[in-house]
Amino acid sequence: MIEFKTDPRYDLCTIEGRLELEVYLKWIKDTSLDDTEYAFVNYVMGRAQIKDARHLFAIWEHQMGAEINKSIRSQVRLFFMNPSVEVCFKMASYAGWFDFIPSVYQLKKAVPLPPPIYGPTFVKVGGSELPLEFRLIVSSPIPVLNNSL
């Protein structure tokens, strides 16, 4: 049996946060995971059925409003996009994240998923896709000025 009330985050959470913490602790025990940032972010995405961490970050930004410090915004983006498998999440300072989870359920449909990111498309220079005039200009040698006096 898991003793939720001895967890350092338990007393600092709201009632909804405590319920989420209980489910989270049971989930990491059942799956034999360590209590890390990585486990938490994947738990939230799975519970809320969110497929992209950028969407989770967009929900956090929406909830915070315009009053986000650039440094904090950068740290939270890193937390969601690249959570650590080594950083322990079982600290009282992380209790607020369990209070954040219910708002994810409420806002996941209201906050749009950020547009997909595509890799660049490269075109071979001098290929047949370019107009003949451009190919001639690109393939012409560049004249070098000789300014030796």
Protein backbone atom coordinates (compact mmCIF):
# COMPACT_ATOMS: atom_id res chain seq x y z
CA MET A 1 0.00 0.00 0.00
CA ILE A 2 1.19 3.51 -0.81
CA GLU A 3 1.07 6.04 2.01
CA PHE A 4 0.12 9.25 0.22
CA LYS A 5 -0.04 11.41 3.30
CA THR A 6 3.68 11.01 4.04
CA ASP A 7 4.66 12.39 0.62
CA PRO A 8 6.26 15.85 1.03
CA ARG A 9 3.94 17.30 -1.64
CA TYR A 10 0.68 16.05 -0.12
CA ASP A 11 0.05 18.78 2.49
CA LEU A 12 0.84 21.55 0.00
CA CYS A 13 -1.68 20.44 -2.64
CA THR A 14 -5.33 21.40 -2.97
CA ILE A 15 -7.93 18.64 -2.68
CA GLU A 16 -7.88 18.10 -6.47
CA GLY A 17 -4.08 18.14 -6.44
CA ARG A 18 -4.02 15.52 -3.70
CA LEU A 19 -6.29 13.26 -5.74
CA GLU A 20 -3.96 13.64 -8.74
CA LEU A 21 -0.93 12.98 -6.53
CA GLU A 22 -2.52 9.77 -5.25
CA VAL A 23 -3.22 8.53 -8.79
CA TYR A 24 0.30 9.55 -9.89
CA LEU A 25 2.00 7.75 -6.99
CA LYS A 26 -0.04 4.61 -7.62
CA TRP A 27 0.83 4.81 -11.34
CA ILE A 28 4.60 5.13 -10.80
CA LYS A 29 4.50 2.28 -8.27
CA ASP A 30 2.49 0.02 -10.61
CA THR A 31 4.79 0.77 -13.55
CA SER A 32 8.00 0.60 -11.46
CA LEU A 33 9.06 4.09 -12.52
CA ASP A 34 11.16 6.53 -10.55
CA ASP A 35 9.48 9.73 -9.37
CA THR A 36 11.17 12.05 -11.89
CA GLU A 37 10.31 15.00 -14.12
CA TYR A 38 10.06 12.62 -17.06
CA ALA A 39 7.54 10.39 -15.27
CA PHE A 40 5.42 13.39 -14.24
CA VAL A 41 5.26 14.97 -17.72
CA ASN A 42 4.38 11.63 -19.31
CA TYR A 43 1.75 11.01 -16.63
CA VAL A 44 0.06 14.36 -17.32
CA MET A 45 0.17 13.88 -21.09
CA GLY A 46 -1.27 10.38 -20.76
CA ARG A 47 -4.03 11.36 -18.32
CA ALA A 48 -5.05 14.36 -20.42
CA GLN A 49 -4.60 12.43 -23.69
CA ILE A 50 -2.21 15.05 -25.05
CA LYS A 51 0.21 13.82 -27.69
CA ASP A 52 2.57 16.81 -27.90
CA ALA A 53 4.45 18.41 -25.01
CA ARG A 54 4.20 21.75 -26.85
CA HIS A 55 0.44 21.61 -26.29
CA LEU A 56 1.00 21.10 -22.57
CA PHE A 57 3.36 24.09 -22.56
CA ALA A 58 0.78 26.19 -24.46
CA ILE A 59 -1.82 25.34 -21.81
CA TRP A 60 0.58 26.45 -19.07
CA GLU A 61 1.27 29.71 -20.95
CA HIS A 62 -2.45 30.33 -21.38
CA GLN A 63 -3.10 29.75 -17.70
CA MET A 64 -0.25 32.07 -16.66
CA GLY A 65 -1.40 34.89 -18.93
CA ALA A 66 0.90 37.70 -20.03
CA GLU A 67 2.74 37.91 -16.72
CA ILE A 68 5.45 35.35 -17.51
CA ASN A 69 9.08 36.15 -16.78
CA LYS A 70 11.27 35.19 -19.78
CA SER A 71 13.61 33.14 -17.61
CA ILE A 72 10.78 31.19 -15.98
CA ARG A 73 9.10 30.67 -19.34
CA SER A 74 12.32 29.23 -20.72
CA GLN A 75 12.76 26.91 -17.73
CA VAL A 76 9.18 25.64 -17.92
CA ARG A 77 9.45 25.09 -21.68
CA LEU A 78 12.57 23.00 -21.05
CA PHE A 79 10.73 21.13 -18.28
CA PHE A 80 7.90 20.13 -20.64
CA MET A 81 9.94 19.59 -23.83
CA ASN A 82 12.92 17.82 -22.32
CA PRO A 83 12.05 16.49 -18.85
CA SER A 84 14.91 14.90 -16.97
CA VAL A 85 14.95 11.21 -16.13
CA GLU A 86 17.39 11.98 -13.32
CA VAL A 87 15.85 14.96 -11.50
CA CYS A 88 13.84 13.73 -8.53
CA PHE A 89 10.27 15.05 -8.52
CA LYS A 90 9.50 14.02 -4.94
CA MET A 91 10.05 17.43 -3.35
CA ALA A 92 7.64 19.81 -1.68
CA SER A 93 8.53 22.52 -4.21
CA TYR A 94 6.83 20.47 -6.96
CA ALA A 95 3.46 20.24 -5.20
CA GLY A 96 1.92 23.01 -7.31
CA TRP A 97 2.27 20.95 -10.48
CA PHE A 98 -0.38 18.55 -9.17
CA ASP A 99 -2.76 21.49 -8.75
CA PHE A 100 -2.00 22.39 -12.40
CA ILE A 101 -3.26 19.05 -13.74
CA PRO A 102 -7.04 19.72 -13.38
CA SER A 103 -6.67 22.90 -15.44
CA VAL A 104 -5.01 20.84 -18.20
CA TYR A 105 -8.18 18.75 -18.47
CA GLN A 106 -10.32 21.91 -18.69
CA LEU A 107 -8.12 23.84 -21.13
CA LYS A 108 -6.87 21.15 -23.50
CA LYS A 109 -9.69 21.82 -25.98
CA ALA A 110 -9.79 25.59 -25.48
CA VAL A 111 -6.06 26.09 -26.08
CA PRO A 112 -5.11 25.13 -29.63
CA LEU A 113 -2.31 22.73 -30.39
CA PRO A 114 0.68 24.68 -31.74
CA PRO A 115 1.24 24.19 -35.47
CA PRO A 116 3.50 21.29 -36.45
CA ILE A 117 7.19 21.89 -36.97
CA TYR A 118 8.56 20.63 -40.25
CA GLY A 119 12.17 20.18 -41.19
CA PRO A 120 13.64 22.34 -43.94
CA THR A 121 13.32 21.31 -47.58
CA PHE A 122 16.50 21.67 -49.59
CA VAL A 123 16.72 22.17 -53.33
CA LYS A 124 19.81 21.11 -55.23
CA VAL A 125 21.41 24.18 -56.80
CA GLY A 126 21.96 23.79 -60.50
CA GLY A 127 19.32 21.13 -60.77
CA SER A 128 16.71 21.05 -63.48
CA GLU A 129 14.16 22.57 -61.10
CA LEU A 130 15.74 26.02 -61.51
CA PRO A 131 15.17 28.25 -64.52
CA LEU A 132 17.94 28.14 -67.15
CA GLU A 133 18.89 31.82 -66.60
CA PHE A 134 19.47 31.23 -62.89
CA ARG A 135 21.53 28.10 -63.53
CA LEU A 136 23.77 30.03 -65.91
CA ILE A 137 24.31 32.81 -63.37
CA VAL A 138 25.09 30.37 -60.55
CA SER A 139 27.47 28.27 -62.63
CA SER A 140 29.39 31.28 -64.04
CA PRO A 141 32.74 31.93 -62.42
CA ILE A 142 32.86 35.00 -60.20
CA PRO A 143 35.33 37.57 -61.55
CA VAL A 144 38.15 38.44 -59.17
CA LEU A 145 39.43 42.00 -59.09
CA ASN A 146 43.16 42.36 -59.16
CA ASN A 147 43.96 45.55 -57.28
CA SER A 148 47.66 45.08 -56.90
CA LEU A 149 49.51 48.34 -57.50
